[in-house]
Amino acid sequence: QQKKEGGNSGGGNNNASSGGGAAASTTVR
C-alpha cells in the first residue's frame, strides 16, 4: 500500500528524490 501511494508522488521508495512525494510518504507512515 505504501508503495502504491508513494508511486503516485513519483517513486515510492524514491519519494525522497521526488521531494513532494516525501511529504505524502511521511503521512502514510
PDB file of N, CA and C in Angstrom:
ATOM      1  N   GLN A   1       0.846  -1.201   0.000  1.00  0.00           N
ATOM      2  CA  GLN A   1       0.000   0.000   0.000  1.00  0.00           C
ATOM      3  C   GLN A   1       0.880   1.249   0.000  1.00  0.00           C
ATOM      4  N   GLN A   2       1.859   1.270   0.865  1.00  0.00           N
ATOM      5  CA  GLN A   2       2.729   2.447   0.904  1.00  0.00           C
ATOM      6  C   GLN A   2       3.374   2.684  -0.463  1.00  0.00           C
ATOM      7  N   LYS A   3       3.834   1.609  -1.078  1.00  0.00           N
ATOM      8  CA  LYS A   3       4.472   1.762  -2.382  1.00  0.00           C
ATOM      9  C   LYS A   3       3.482   2.324  -3.393  1.00  0.00           C
ATOM     10  N   LYS A   4       2.256   1.832  -3.366  1.00  0.00           N
ATOM     11  CA  LYS A   4       1.254   2.328  -4.319  1.00  0.00           C
ATOM     12  C   LYS A   4       1.035   3.827  -4.127  1.00  0.00           C
ATOM     13  N   GLU A   5       0.814   4.246  -2.899  1.00  0.00           N
ATOM     14  CA  GLU A   5       0.569   5.675  -2.660  1.00  0.00           C
ATOM     15  C   GLU A   5       1.814   6.481  -3.047  1.00  0.00           C
ATOM     16  N   GLY A   6       2.964   5.997  -2.626  1.00  0.00           N
ATOM     17  CA  GLY A   6       4.195   6.705  -2.956  1.00  0.00           C
ATOM     18  C   GLY A   6       4.397   6.779  -4.463  1.00  0.00           C
ATOM     19  N   GLY A   7       4.005   5.721  -5.162  1.00  0.00           N
ATOM     20  CA  GLY A   7       4.157   5.708  -6.615  1.00  0.00           C
ATOM     21  C   GLY A   7       3.468   6.907  -7.245  1.00  0.00           C
ATOM     22  N   ASN A   8       2.342   7.291  -6.697  1.00  0.00           N
ATOM     23  CA  ASN A   8       1.635   8.450  -7.240  1.00  0.00           C
ATOM     24  C   ASN A   8       2.529   9.679  -7.171  1.00  0.00           C
ATOM     25  N   SER A   9       3.229   9.848  -6.051  1.00  0.00           N
ATOM     26  CA  SER A   9       4.103  11.002  -5.907  1.00  0.00           C
ATOM     27  C   SER A   9       5.199  10.933  -6.967  1.00  0.00           C
ATOM     28  N   GLY A  10       5.696   9.750  -7.195  1.00  0.00           N
ATOM     29  CA  GLY A  10       6.698   9.594  -8.241  1.00  0.00           C
ATOM     30  C   GLY A  10       7.860   8.700  -7.838  1.00  0.00           C
ATOM     31  N   GLY A  11       7.658   7.718  -6.972  1.00  0.00           N
ATOM     32  CA  GLY A  11       8.805   6.844  -6.713  1.00  0.00           C
ATOM     33  C   GLY A  11       8.647   5.914  -5.525  1.00  0.00           C
ATOM     34  N   GLY A  12       7.675   6.061  -4.705  1.00  0.00           N
ATOM     35  CA  GLY A  12       7.525   5.148  -3.567  1.00  0.00           C
ATOM     36  C   GLY A  12       8.753   5.197  -2.677  1.00  0.00           C
ATOM     37  N   ASN A  13       9.654   4.258  -2.850  1.00  0.00           N
ATOM     38  CA  ASN A  13      10.869   4.257  -2.048  1.00  0.00           C
ATOM     39  C   ASN A  13      11.731   5.475  -2.365  1.00  0.00           C
ATOM     40  N   ASN A  14      11.671   5.909  -3.613  1.00  0.00           N
ATOM     41  CA  ASN A  14      12.478   7.052  -4.026  1.00  0.00           C
ATOM     42  C   ASN A  14      11.719   8.366  -3.829  1.00  0.00           C
ATOM     43  N   ASN A  15      10.720   8.346  -2.984  1.00  0.00           N
ATOM     44  CA  ASN A  15       9.924   9.556  -2.784  1.00  0.00           C
ATOM     45  C   ASN A  15      10.806  10.711  -2.314  1.00  0.00           C
ATOM     46  N   ALA A  16      11.861  10.399  -1.586  1.00  0.00           N
ATOM     47  CA  ALA A  16      12.747  11.458  -1.102  1.00  0.00           C
ATOM     48  C   ALA A  16      13.264  12.276  -2.284  1.00  0.00           C
ATOM     49  N   SER A  17      13.612  11.605  -3.362  1.00  0.00           N
ATOM     50  CA  SER A  17      14.109  12.306  -4.547  1.00  0.00           C
ATOM     51  C   SER A  17      13.015  13.194  -5.134  1.00  0.00           C
ATOM     52  N   SER A  18      11.786  12.706  -5.071  1.00  0.00           N
ATOM     53  CA  SER A  18      10.680  13.480  -5.637  1.00  0.00           C
ATOM     54  C   SER A  18      10.504  14.792  -4.876  1.00  0.00           C
ATOM     55  N   GLY A  19      10.761  14.765  -3.580  1.00  0.00           N
ATOM     56  CA  GLY A  19      10.573  15.983  -2.796  1.00  0.00           C
ATOM     57  C   GLY A  19       9.153  16.042  -2.270  1.00  0.00           C
ATOM     58  N   GLY A  20       8.220  16.401  -3.127  1.00  0.00           N
ATOM     59  CA  GLY A  20       6.813  16.461  -2.711  1.00  0.00           C
ATOM     60  C   GLY A  20       6.348  15.089  -2.238  1.00  0.00           C
ATOM     61  N   GLY A  21       6.841  14.053  -2.891  1.00  0.00           N
ATOM     62  CA  GLY A  21       6.444  12.700  -2.516  1.00  0.00           C
ATOM     63  C   GLY A  21       6.816  12.389  -1.073  1.00  0.00           C
ATOM     64  N   ALA A  22       7.911  12.979  -0.617  1.00  0.00           N
ATOM     65  CA  ALA A  22       8.357  12.708   0.756  1.00  0.00           C
ATOM     66  C   ALA A  22       7.256  13.051   1.749  1.00  0.00           C
ATOM     67  N   ALA A  23       6.620  14.192   1.534  1.00  0.00           N
ATOM     68  CA  ALA A  23       5.554  14.607   2.461  1.00  0.00           C
ATOM     69  C   ALA A  23       4.450  13.561   2.498  1.00  0.00           C
ATOM     70  N   ALA A  24       4.038  13.102   1.327  1.00  0.00           N
ATOM     71  CA  ALA A  24       2.957  12.108   1.267  1.00  0.00           C
ATOM     72  C   ALA A  24       3.389  10.835   1.974  1.00  0.00           C
ATOM     73  N   SER A  25       4.628  10.429   1.734  1.00  0.00           N
ATOM     74  CA  SER A  25       5.130   9.200   2.336  1.00  0.00           C
ATOM     75  C   SER A  25       5.108   9.330   3.857  1.00  0.00           C
ATOM     76  N   THR A  26       5.530  10.478   4.365  1.00  0.00           N
ATOM     77  CA  THR A  26       5.562  10.683   5.810  1.00  0.00           C
ATOM     78  C   THR A  26       4.160  10.541   6.386  1.00  0.00           C
ATOM     79  N   THR A  27       3.167  11.068   5.679  1.00  0.00           N
ATOM     80  CA  THR A  27       1.788  10.983   6.166  1.00  0.00           C
ATOM     81  C   THR A  27       1.361   9.528   6.273  1.00  0.00           C
ATOM     82  N   VAL A  28       1.724   8.719   5.291  1.00  0.00           N
ATOM     83  CA  VAL A  28       1.342   7.302   5.299  1.00  0.00           C
ATOM     84  C   VAL A  28       1.957   6.623   6.512  1.00  0.00           C
ATOM     85  N   ARG A  29       3.214   6.918   6.771  1.00  0.00           N
ATOM     86  CA  ARG A  29       3.906   6.283   7.889  1.00  0.00           C
ATOM     87  C   ARG A  29       3.321   6.796   9.196  1.00  0.00           C
TER      88      ARG A  29
END
